[in-house]
Amino acid sequence: FLIAGPVTHLLPSDAEVWVDGGHNVS
């Protein structure tokens, strides 16, 4: 879960932003 920062500030303040490096079916 991304905390407030330069990336999340590009979106509305209540946006929920997730990062996941997964790259296969599982």
mmCIF file of all heavy atoms, coordinates in Angstrom:
data_MODEL
# 
_entry.id   MODEL 
# 
loop_
_atom_site.group_PDB 
_atom_site.id 
_atom_site.type_symbol 
_atom_site.label_atom_id 
_atom_site.label_alt_id 
_atom_site.label_comp_id 
_atom_site.label_asym_id 
_atom_site.label_entity_id 
_atom_site.label_seq_id 
_atom_site.pdbx_PDB_ins_code 
_atom_site.Cartn_x 
_atom_site.Cartn_y 
_atom_site.Cartn_z 
_atom_site.occupancy 
_atom_site.B_iso_or_equiv 
_atom_site.pdbx_formal_charge 
_atom_site.auth_seq_id 
_atom_site.auth_comp_id 
_atom_site.auth_asym_id 
_atom_site.auth_atom_id 
_atom_site.pdbx_PDB_model_num 
ATOM 1   N N   . PHE A 1 1  ? 0.849   -1.188  0.000   1.00 0.00 ? 1  PHE A N   1 
ATOM 2   C CA  . PHE A 1 1  ? 0.000   0.000   0.000   1.00 0.00 ? 1  PHE A CA  1 
ATOM 3   C C   . PHE A 1 1  ? 0.888   1.242   0.000   1.00 0.00 ? 1  PHE A C   1 
ATOM 4   O O   . PHE A 1 1  ? 1.761   1.381   0.855   1.00 0.00 ? 1  PHE A O   1 
ATOM 5   C CB  . PHE A 1 1  ? -0.909  0.001   1.222   1.00 0.00 ? 1  PHE A CB  1 
ATOM 6   C CG  . PHE A 1 1  ? -1.862  1.159   1.279   1.00 0.00 ? 1  PHE A CG  1 
ATOM 7   C CD1 . PHE A 1 1  ? -3.018  1.157   0.517   1.00 0.00 ? 1  PHE A CD1 1 
ATOM 8   C CD2 . PHE A 1 1  ? -1.598  2.244   2.086   1.00 0.00 ? 1  PHE A CD2 1 
ATOM 9   C CE1 . PHE A 1 1  ? -3.899  2.231   0.565   1.00 0.00 ? 1  PHE A CE1 1 
ATOM 10  C CE2 . PHE A 1 1  ? -2.457  3.323   2.144   1.00 0.00 ? 1  PHE A CE2 1 
ATOM 11  C CZ  . PHE A 1 1  ? -3.624  3.313   1.377   1.00 0.00 ? 1  PHE A CZ  1 
ATOM 12  N N   . LEU A 1 2  ? 0.668   2.121   -0.964  1.00 0.00 ? 2  LEU A N   1 
ATOM 13  C CA  . LEU A 1 2  ? 1.493   3.326   -1.052  1.00 0.00 ? 2  LEU A CA  1 
ATOM 14  C C   . LEU A 1 2  ? 1.005   4.383   -0.073  1.00 0.00 ? 2  LEU A C   1 
ATOM 15  O O   . LEU A 1 2  ? -0.177  4.741   -0.061  1.00 0.00 ? 2  LEU A O   1 
ATOM 16  C CB  . LEU A 1 2  ? 1.464   3.899   -2.464  1.00 0.00 ? 2  LEU A CB  1 
ATOM 17  C CG  . LEU A 1 2  ? 2.238   3.163   -3.559  1.00 0.00 ? 2  LEU A CG  1 
ATOM 18  C CD1 . LEU A 1 2  ? 2.305   4.017   -4.817  1.00 0.00 ? 2  LEU A CD1 1 
ATOM 19  C CD2 . LEU A 1 2  ? 3.639   2.798   -3.109  1.00 0.00 ? 2  LEU A CD2 1 
ATOM 20  N N   . ILE A 1 3  ? 1.934   4.885   0.743   1.00 0.00 ? 3  ILE A N   1 
ATOM 21  C CA  . ILE A 1 3  ? 1.620   5.998   1.616   1.00 0.00 ? 3  ILE A CA  1 
ATOM 22  C C   . ILE A 1 3  ? 1.673   7.291   0.800   1.00 0.00 ? 3  ILE A C   1 
ATOM 23  O O   . ILE A 1 3  ? 2.061   7.290   -0.369  1.00 0.00 ? 3  ILE A O   1 
ATOM 24  C CB  . ILE A 1 3  ? 2.600   6.071   2.795   1.00 0.00 ? 3  ILE A CB  1 
ATOM 25  C CG1 . ILE A 1 3  ? 4.035   6.279   2.292   1.00 0.00 ? 3  ILE A CG1 1 
ATOM 26  C CG2 . ILE A 1 3  ? 2.507   4.809   3.643   1.00 0.00 ? 3  ILE A CG2 1 
ATOM 27  C CD1 . ILE A 1 3  ? 5.056   6.482   3.400   1.00 0.00 ? 3  ILE A CD1 1 
ATOM 28  N N   . ALA A 1 4  ? 1.274   8.388   1.410   1.00 0.00 ? 4  ALA A N   1 
ATOM 29  C CA  . ALA A 1 4  ? 1.270   9.671   0.694   1.00 0.00 ? 4  ALA A CA  1 
ATOM 30  C C   . ALA A 1 4  ? 2.677   10.019  0.226   1.00 0.00 ? 4  ALA A C   1 
ATOM 31  O O   . ALA A 1 4  ? 3.651   9.921   0.980   1.00 0.00 ? 4  ALA A O   1 
ATOM 32  C CB  . ALA A 1 4  ? 0.732   10.775  1.602   1.00 0.00 ? 4  ALA A CB  1 
ATOM 33  N N   . GLY A 1 5  ? 2.807   10.388  -1.049  1.00 0.00 ? 5  GLY A N   1 
ATOM 34  C CA  . GLY A 1 5  ? 4.095   10.719  -1.622  1.00 0.00 ? 5  GLY A CA  1 
ATOM 35  C C   . GLY A 1 5  ? 3.917   11.279  -3.029  1.00 0.00 ? 5  GLY A C   1 
ATOM 36  O O   . GLY A 1 5  ? 2.789   11.488  -3.491  1.00 0.00 ? 5  GLY A O   1 
ATOM 37  N N   . PRO A 1 6  ? 4.998   11.517  -3.731  1.00 0.00 ? 6  PRO A N   1 
ATOM 38  C CA  . PRO A 1 6  ? 4.930   12.113  -5.072  1.00 0.00 ? 6  PRO A CA  1 
ATOM 39  C C   . PRO A 1 6  ? 4.067   11.326  -6.058  1.00 0.00 ? 6  PRO A C   1 
ATOM 40  O O   . PRO A 1 6  ? 3.463   11.928  -6.957  1.00 0.00 ? 6  PRO A O   1 
ATOM 41  C CB  . PRO A 1 6  ? 6.392   12.130  -5.521  1.00 0.00 ? 6  PRO A CB  1 
ATOM 42  C CG  . PRO A 1 6  ? 7.183   12.207  -4.248  1.00 0.00 ? 6  PRO A CG  1 
ATOM 43  C CD  . PRO A 1 6  ? 6.405   11.382  -3.266  1.00 0.00 ? 6  PRO A CD  1 
ATOM 44  N N   . VAL A 1 7  ? 4.018   10.015  -5.917  1.00 0.00 ? 7  VAL A N   1 
ATOM 45  C CA  . VAL A 1 7  ? 3.185   9.215   -6.822  1.00 0.00 ? 7  VAL A CA  1 
ATOM 46  C C   . VAL A 1 7  ? 1.714   9.353   -6.468  1.00 0.00 ? 7  VAL A C   1 
ATOM 47  O O   . VAL A 1 7  ? 0.877   9.646   -7.332  1.00 0.00 ? 7  VAL A O   1 
ATOM 48  C CB  . VAL A 1 7  ? 3.607   7.733   -6.793  1.00 0.00 ? 7  VAL A CB  1 
ATOM 49  C CG1 . VAL A 1 7  ? 2.622   6.868   -7.580  1.00 0.00 ? 7  VAL A CG1 1 
ATOM 50  C CG2 . VAL A 1 7  ? 5.004   7.572   -7.373  1.00 0.00 ? 7  VAL A CG2 1 
ATOM 51  N N   . THR A 1 8  ? 1.385   9.145   -5.211  1.00 0.00 ? 8  THR A N   1 
ATOM 52  C CA  . THR A 1 8  ? -0.026  9.186   -4.819  1.00 0.00 ? 8  THR A CA  1 
ATOM 53  C C   . THR A 1 8  ? -0.614  10.590  -4.949  1.00 0.00 ? 8  THR A C   1 
ATOM 54  O O   . THR A 1 8  ? -1.831  10.740  -5.134  1.00 0.00 ? 8  THR A O   1 
ATOM 55  C CB  . THR A 1 8  ? -0.212  8.701   -3.367  1.00 0.00 ? 8  THR A CB  1 
ATOM 56  O OG1 . THR A 1 8  ? 0.499   9.581   -2.481  1.00 0.00 ? 8  THR A OG1 1 
ATOM 57  C CG2 . THR A 1 8  ? 0.330   7.294   -3.214  1.00 0.00 ? 8  THR A CG2 1 
ATOM 58  N N   . HIS A 1 9  ? 0.229   11.612  -4.875  1.00 0.00 ? 9  HIS A N   1 
ATOM 59  C CA  . HIS A 1 9  ? -0.268  12.982  -4.980  1.00 0.00 ? 9  HIS A CA  1 
ATOM 60  C C   . HIS A 1 9  ? -0.788  13.321  -6.375  1.00 0.00 ? 9  HIS A C   1 
ATOM 61  O O   . HIS A 1 9  ? -1.423  14.365  -6.569  1.00 0.00 ? 9  HIS A O   1 
ATOM 62  C CB  . HIS A 1 9  ? 0.823   13.976  -4.573  1.00 0.00 ? 9  HIS A CB  1 
ATOM 63  C CG  . HIS A 1 9  ? 1.105   13.989  -3.105  1.00 0.00 ? 9  HIS A CG  1 
ATOM 64  N ND1 . HIS A 1 9  ? 2.262   14.505  -2.545  1.00 0.00 ? 9  HIS A ND1 1 
ATOM 65  C CD2 . HIS A 1 9  ? 0.380   13.512  -2.062  1.00 0.00 ? 9  HIS A CD2 1 
ATOM 66  C CE1 . HIS A 1 9  ? 2.221   14.363  -1.238  1.00 0.00 ? 9  HIS A CE1 1 
ATOM 67  N NE2 . HIS A 1 9  ? 1.101   13.764  -0.926  1.00 0.00 ? 9  HIS A NE2 1 
ATOM 68  N N   . LEU A 1 10 ? -0.547  12.442  -7.333  1.00 0.00 ? 10 LEU A N   1 
ATOM 69  C CA  . LEU A 1 10 ? -1.087  12.636  -8.678  1.00 0.00 ? 10 LEU A CA  1 
ATOM 70  C C   . LEU A 1 10 ? -2.550  12.215  -8.764  1.00 0.00 ? 10 LEU A C   1 
ATOM 71  O O   . LEU A 1 10 ? -3.199  12.451  -9.785  1.00 0.00 ? 10 LEU A O   1 
ATOM 72  C CB  . LEU A 1 10 ? -0.277  11.832  -9.702  1.00 0.00 ? 10 LEU A CB  1 
ATOM 73  C CG  . LEU A 1 10 ? 1.204   12.214  -9.831  1.00 0.00 ? 10 LEU A CG  1 
ATOM 74  C CD1 . LEU A 1 10 ? 1.919   11.232  -10.753 1.00 0.00 ? 10 LEU A CD1 1 
ATOM 75  C CD2 . LEU A 1 10 ? 1.337   13.638  -10.354 1.00 0.00 ? 10 LEU A CD2 1 
ATOM 76  N N   . LEU A 1 11 ? -3.069  11.636  -7.697  1.00 0.00 ? 11 LEU A N   1 
ATOM 77  C CA  . LEU A 1 11 ? -4.435  11.122  -7.671  1.00 0.00 ? 11 LEU A CA  1 
ATOM 78  C C   . LEU A 1 11 ? -5.238  11.831  -6.586  1.00 0.00 ? 11 LEU A C   1 
ATOM 79  O O   . LEU A 1 11 ? -4.672  12.535  -5.738  1.00 0.00 ? 11 LEU A O   1 
ATOM 80  C CB  . LEU A 1 11 ? -4.404  9.618   -7.391  1.00 0.00 ? 11 LEU A CB  1 
ATOM 81  C CG  . LEU A 1 11 ? -3.696  8.762   -8.452  1.00 0.00 ? 11 LEU A CG  1 
ATOM 82  C CD1 . LEU A 1 11 ? -3.402  7.375   -7.908  1.00 0.00 ? 11 LEU A CD1 1 
ATOM 83  C CD2 . LEU A 1 11 ? -4.547  8.681   -9.718  1.00 0.00 ? 11 LEU A CD2 1 
ATOM 84  N N   . PRO A 1 12 ? -6.576  11.679  -6.584  1.00 0.00 ? 12 PRO A N   1 
ATOM 85  C CA  . PRO A 1 12 ? -7.372  12.263  -5.503  1.00 0.00 ? 12 PRO A CA  1 
ATOM 86  C C   . PRO A 1 12 ? -6.865  11.811  -4.138  1.00 0.00 ? 12 PRO A C   1 
ATOM 87  O O   . PRO A 1 12 ? -6.333  10.708  -3.984  1.00 0.00 ? 12 PRO A O   1 
ATOM 88  C CB  . PRO A 1 12 ? -8.777  11.719  -5.791  1.00 0.00 ? 12 PRO A CB  1 
ATOM 89  C CG  . PRO A 1 12 ? -8.796  11.472  -7.268  1.00 0.00 ? 12 PRO A CG  1 
ATOM 90  C CD  . PRO A 1 12 ? -7.414  11.019  -7.610  1.00 0.00 ? 12 PRO A CD  1 
ATOM 91  N N   . SER A 1 13 ? -7.026  12.637  -3.141  1.00 0.00 ? 13 SER A N   1 
ATOM 92  C CA  . SER A 1 13 ? -6.443  12.382  -1.822  1.00 0.00 ? 13 SER A CA  1 
ATOM 93  C C   . SER A 1 13 ? -6.972  11.109  -1.176  1.00 0.00 ? 13 SER A C   1 
ATOM 94  O O   . SER A 1 13 ? -6.303  10.524  -0.304  1.00 0.00 ? 13 SER A O   1 
ATOM 95  C CB  . SER A 1 13 ? -6.699  13.570  -0.891  1.00 0.00 ? 13 SER A CB  1 
ATOM 96  O OG  . SER A 1 13 ? -8.095  13.805  -0.746  1.00 0.00 ? 13 SER A OG  1 
ATOM 97  N N   . ASP A 1 14 ? -8.168  10.665  -1.570  1.00 0.00 ? 14 ASP A N   1 
ATOM 98  C CA  . ASP A 1 14 ? -8.718  9.456   -0.965  1.00 0.00 ? 14 ASP A CA  1 
ATOM 99  C C   . ASP A 1 14 ? -8.467  8.215   -1.812  1.00 0.00 ? 14 ASP A C   1 
ATOM 100 O O   . ASP A 1 14 ? -9.036  7.145   -1.548  1.00 0.00 ? 14 ASP A O   1 
ATOM 101 C CB  . ASP A 1 14 ? -10.221 9.618   -0.713  1.00 0.00 ? 14 ASP A CB  1 
ATOM 102 C CG  . ASP A 1 14 ? -11.015 9.804   -1.999  1.00 0.00 ? 14 ASP A CG  1 
ATOM 103 O OD1 . ASP A 1 14 ? -10.402 10.043  -3.070  1.00 0.00 ? 14 ASP A OD1 1 
ATOM 104 O OD2 . ASP A 1 14 ? -12.259 9.704   -1.942  1.00 0.00 ? 14 ASP A OD2 1 
ATOM 105 N N   . ALA A 1 15 ? -7.616  8.336   -2.813  1.00 0.00 ? 15 ALA A N   1 
ATOM 106 C CA  . ALA A 1 15 ? -7.328  7.183   -3.677  1.00 0.00 ? 15 ALA A CA  1 
ATOM 107 C C   . ALA A 1 15 ? -6.596  6.090   -2.907  1.00 0.00 ? 15 ALA A C   1 
ATOM 108 O O   . ALA A 1 15 ? -5.760  6.359   -2.041  1.00 0.00 ? 15 ALA A O   1 
ATOM 109 C CB  . ALA A 1 15 ? -6.512  7.615   -4.883  1.00 0.00 ? 15 ALA A CB  1 
ATOM 110 N N   . GLU A 1 16 ? -6.905  4.861   -3.234  1.00 0.00 ? 16 GLU A N   1 
ATOM 111 C CA  . GLU A 1 16 ? -6.258  3.684   -2.658  1.00 0.00 ? 16 GLU A CA  1 
ATOM 112 C C   . GLU A 1 16 ? -5.295  3.152   -3.716  1.00 0.00 ? 16 GLU A C   1 
ATOM 113 O O   . GLU A 1 16 ? -5.720  2.719   -4.784  1.00 0.00 ? 16 GLU A O   1 
ATOM 114 C CB  . GLU A 1 16 ? -7.332  2.651   -2.318  1.00 0.00 ? 16 GLU A CB  1 
ATOM 115 C CG  . GLU A 1 16 ? -6.879  1.434   -1.581  1.00 0.00 ? 16 GLU A CG  1 
ATOM 116 C CD  . GLU A 1 16 ? -8.056  0.515   -1.268  1.00 0.00 ? 16 GLU A CD  1 
ATOM 117 O OE1 . GLU A 1 16 ? -9.106  1.020   -0.808  1.00 0.00 ? 16 GLU A OE1 1 
ATOM 118 O OE2 . GLU A 1 16 ? -7.935  -0.696  -1.491  1.00 0.00 ? 16 GLU A OE2 1 
ATOM 119 N N   . VAL A 1 17 ? -4.000  3.202   -3.446  1.00 0.00 ? 17 VAL A N   1 
ATOM 120 C CA  . VAL A 1 17 ? -3.004  2.838   -4.459  1.00 0.00 ? 17 VAL A CA  1 
ATOM 121 C C   . VAL A 1 17 ? -2.169  1.655   -3.957  1.00 0.00 ? 17 VAL A C   1 
ATOM 122 O O   . VAL A 1 17 ? -1.536  1.732   -2.904  1.00 0.00 ? 17 VAL A O   1 
ATOM 123 C CB  . VAL A 1 17 ? -2.073  4.020   -4.799  1.00 0.00 ? 17 VAL A CB  1 
ATOM 124 C CG1 . VAL A 1 17 ? -1.168  3.656   -5.979  1.00 0.00 ? 17 VAL A CG1 1 
ATOM 125 C CG2 . VAL A 1 17 ? -2.883  5.273   -5.128  1.00 0.00 ? 17 VAL A CG2 1 
ATOM 126 N N   . TRP A 1 18 ? -2.179  0.577   -4.749  1.00 0.00 ? 18 TRP A N   1 
ATOM 127 C CA  . TRP A 1 18 ? -1.449  -0.635  -4.408  1.00 0.00 ? 18 TRP A CA  1 
ATOM 128 C C   . TRP A 1 18 ? -0.374  -0.917  -5.455  1.00 0.00 ? 18 TRP A C   1 
ATOM 129 O O   . TRP A 1 18 ? -0.560  -0.636  -6.637  1.00 0.00 ? 18 TRP A O   1 
ATOM 130 C CB  . TRP A 1 18 ? -2.397  -1.838  -4.363  1.00 0.00 ? 18 TRP A CB  1 
ATOM 131 C CG  . TRP A 1 18 ? -3.440  -1.755  -3.292  1.00 0.00 ? 18 TRP A CG  1 
ATOM 132 C CD1 . TRP A 1 18 ? -4.690  -1.230  -3.391  1.00 0.00 ? 18 TRP A CD1 1 
ATOM 133 C CD2 . TRP A 1 18 ? -3.309  -2.206  -1.937  1.00 0.00 ? 18 TRP A CD2 1 
ATOM 134 N NE1 . TRP A 1 18 ? -5.365  -1.328  -2.201  1.00 0.00 ? 18 TRP A NE1 1 
ATOM 135 C CE2 . TRP A 1 18 ? -4.536  -1.927  -1.290  1.00 0.00 ? 18 TRP A CE2 1 
ATOM 136 C CE3 . TRP A 1 18 ? -2.288  -2.823  -1.224  1.00 0.00 ? 18 TRP A CE3 1 
ATOM 137 C CZ2 . TRP A 1 18 ? -4.758  -2.250  0.054   1.00 0.00 ? 18 TRP A CZ2 1 
ATOM 138 C CZ3 . TRP A 1 18 ? -2.507  -3.146  0.104   1.00 0.00 ? 18 TRP A CZ3 1 
ATOM 139 C CH2 . TRP A 1 18 ? -3.733  -2.855  0.732   1.00 0.00 ? 18 TRP A CH2 1 
ATOM 140 N N   . VAL A 1 19 ? 0.733   -1.504  -5.009  1.00 0.00 ? 19 VAL A N   1 
ATOM 141 C CA  . VAL A 1 19 ? 1.799   -1.934  -5.915  1.00 0.00 ? 19 VAL A CA  1 
ATOM 142 C C   . VAL A 1 19 ? 2.062   -3.411  -5.664  1.00 0.00 ? 19 VAL A C   1 
ATOM 143 O O   . VAL A 1 19 ? 2.197   -3.839  -4.511  1.00 0.00 ? 19 VAL A O   1 
ATOM 144 C CB  . VAL A 1 19 ? 3.096   -1.139  -5.675  1.00 0.00 ? 19 VAL A CB  1 
ATOM 145 C CG1 . VAL A 1 19 ? 4.217   -1.673  -6.561  1.00 0.00 ? 19 VAL A CG1 1 
ATOM 146 C CG2 . VAL A 1 19 ? 2.876   0.330   -5.954  1.00 0.00 ? 19 VAL A CG2 1 
ATOM 147 N N   . ASP A 1 20 ? 2.113   -4.191  -6.749  1.00 0.00 ? 20 ASP A N   1 
ATOM 148 C CA  . ASP A 1 20 ? 2.427   -5.612  -6.608  1.00 0.00 ? 20 ASP A CA  1 
ATOM 149 C C   . ASP A 1 20 ? 3.296   -6.048  -7.778  1.00 0.00 ? 20 ASP A C   1 
ATOM 150 O O   . ASP A 1 20 ? 2.979   -5.786  -8.930  1.00 0.00 ? 20 ASP A O   1 
ATOM 151 C CB  . ASP A 1 20 ? 1.152   -6.454  -6.567  1.00 0.00 ? 20 ASP A CB  1 
ATOM 152 C CG  . ASP A 1 20 ? 1.456   -7.902  -6.207  1.00 0.00 ? 20 ASP A CG  1 
ATOM 153 O OD1 . ASP A 1 20 ? 1.575   -8.188  -5.000  1.00 0.00 ? 20 ASP A OD1 1 
ATOM 154 O OD2 . ASP A 1 20 ? 1.605   -8.732  -7.119  1.00 0.00 ? 20 ASP A OD2 1 
ATOM 155 N N   . GLY A 1 21 ? 4.399   -6.717  -7.460  1.00 0.00 ? 21 GLY A N   1 
ATOM 156 C CA  . GLY A 1 21 ? 5.341   -7.133  -8.489  1.00 0.00 ? 21 GLY A CA  1 
ATOM 157 C C   . GLY A 1 21 ? 5.024   -8.466  -9.126  1.00 0.00 ? 21 GLY A C   1 
ATOM 158 O O   . GLY A 1 21 ? 5.804   -8.967  -9.933  1.00 0.00 ? 21 GLY A O   1 
ATOM 159 N N   . GLY A 1 22 ? 3.875   -9.062  -8.798  1.00 0.00 ? 22 GLY A N   1 
ATOM 160 C CA  . GLY A 1 22 ? 3.514   -10.367 -9.338  1.00 0.00 ? 22 GLY A CA  1 
ATOM 161 C C   . GLY A 1 22 ? 3.442   -10.363 -10.853 1.00 0.00 ? 22 GLY A C   1 
ATOM 162 O O   . GLY A 1 22 ? 3.000   -9.390  -11.458 1.00 0.00 ? 22 GLY A O   1 
ATOM 163 N N   . HIS A 1 23 ? 3.843   -11.503 -11.470 1.00 0.00 ? 23 HIS A N   1 
ATOM 164 C CA  . HIS A 1 23 ? 3.920   -11.519 -12.923 1.00 0.00 ? 23 HIS A CA  1 
ATOM 165 C C   . HIS A 1 23 ? 3.574   -12.878 -13.526 1.00 0.00 ? 23 HIS A C   1 
ATOM 166 O O   . HIS A 1 23 ? 3.842   -13.124 -14.694 1.00 0.00 ? 23 HIS A O   1 
ATOM 167 C CB  . HIS A 1 23 ? 5.336   -11.130 -13.369 1.00 0.00 ? 23 HIS A CB  1 
ATOM 168 C CG  . HIS A 1 23 ? 6.405   -11.901 -12.645 1.00 0.00 ? 23 HIS A CG  1 
ATOM 169 N ND1 . HIS A 1 23 ? 7.116   -11.349 -11.600 1.00 0.00 ? 23 HIS A ND1 1 
ATOM 170 C CD2 . HIS A 1 23 ? 6.840   -13.168 -12.761 1.00 0.00 ? 23 HIS A CD2 1 
ATOM 171 C CE1 . HIS A 1 23 ? 7.967   -12.250 -11.137 1.00 0.00 ? 23 HIS A CE1 1 
ATOM 172 N NE2 . HIS A 1 23 ? 7.823   -13.363 -11.826 1.00 0.00 ? 23 HIS A NE2 1 
ATOM 173 N N   . ASN A 1 24 ? 2.990   -13.791 -12.735 1.00 0.00 ? 24 ASN A N   1 
ATOM 174 C CA  . ASN A 1 24 ? 2.608   -15.087 -13.285 1.00 0.00 ? 24 ASN A CA  1 
ATOM 175 C C   . ASN A 1 24 ? 1.185   -15.427 -12.854 1.00 0.00 ? 24 ASN A C   1 
ATOM 176 O O   . ASN A 1 24 ? 0.519   -14.647 -12.161 1.00 0.00 ? 24 ASN A O   1 
ATOM 177 C CB  . ASN A 1 24 ? 3.602   -16.174 -12.868 1.00 0.00 ? 24 ASN A CB  1 
ATOM 178 C CG  . ASN A 1 24 ? 3.799   -16.256 -11.357 1.00 0.00 ? 24 ASN A CG  1 
ATOM 179 O OD1 . ASN A 1 24 ? 2.877   -16.010 -10.582 1.00 0.00 ? 24 ASN A OD1 1 
ATOM 180 N ND2 . ASN A 1 24 ? 5.007   -16.574 -10.918 1.00 0.00 ? 24 ASN A ND2 1 
ATOM 181 N N   . VAL A 1 25 ? 0.699   -16.592 -13.286 1.00 0.00 ? 25 VAL A N   1 
ATOM 182 C CA  . VAL A 1 25 ? -0.691  -16.967 -13.038 1.00 0.00 ? 25 VAL A CA  1 
ATOM 183 C C   . VAL A 1 25 ? -0.994  -17.018 -11.542 1.00 0.00 ? 25 VAL A C   1 
ATOM 184 O O   . VAL A 1 25 ? -2.042  -16.536 -11.090 1.00 0.00 ? 25 VAL A O   1 
ATOM 185 C CB  . VAL A 1 25 ? -1.003  -18.322 -13.703 1.00 0.00 ? 25 VAL A CB  1 
ATOM 186 C CG1 . VAL A 1 25 ? -2.390  -18.804 -13.303 1.00 0.00 ? 25 VAL A CG1 1 
ATOM 187 C CG2 . VAL A 1 25 ? -0.909  -18.200 -15.225 1.00 0.00 ? 25 VAL A CG2 1 
ATOM 188 N N   . SER A 1 26 ? -0.106  -17.599 -10.769 1.00 0.00 ? 26 SER A N   1 
ATOM 189 C CA  . SER A 1 26 ? -0.335  -17.692 -9.323  1.00 0.00 ? 26 SER A CA  1 
ATOM 190 C C   . SER A 1 26 ? -0.485  -16.309 -8.700  1.00 0.00 ? 26 SER A C   1 
ATOM 191 O O   . SER A 1 26 ? -1.338  -16.088 -7.831  1.00 0.00 ? 26 SER A O   1 
ATOM 192 C CB  . SER A 1 26 ? 0.814   -18.452 -8.657  1.00 0.00 ? 26 SER A CB  1 
ATOM 193 O OG  . SER A 1 26 ? 0.894   -19.774 -9.132  1.00 0.00 ? 26 SER A OG  1 
# 
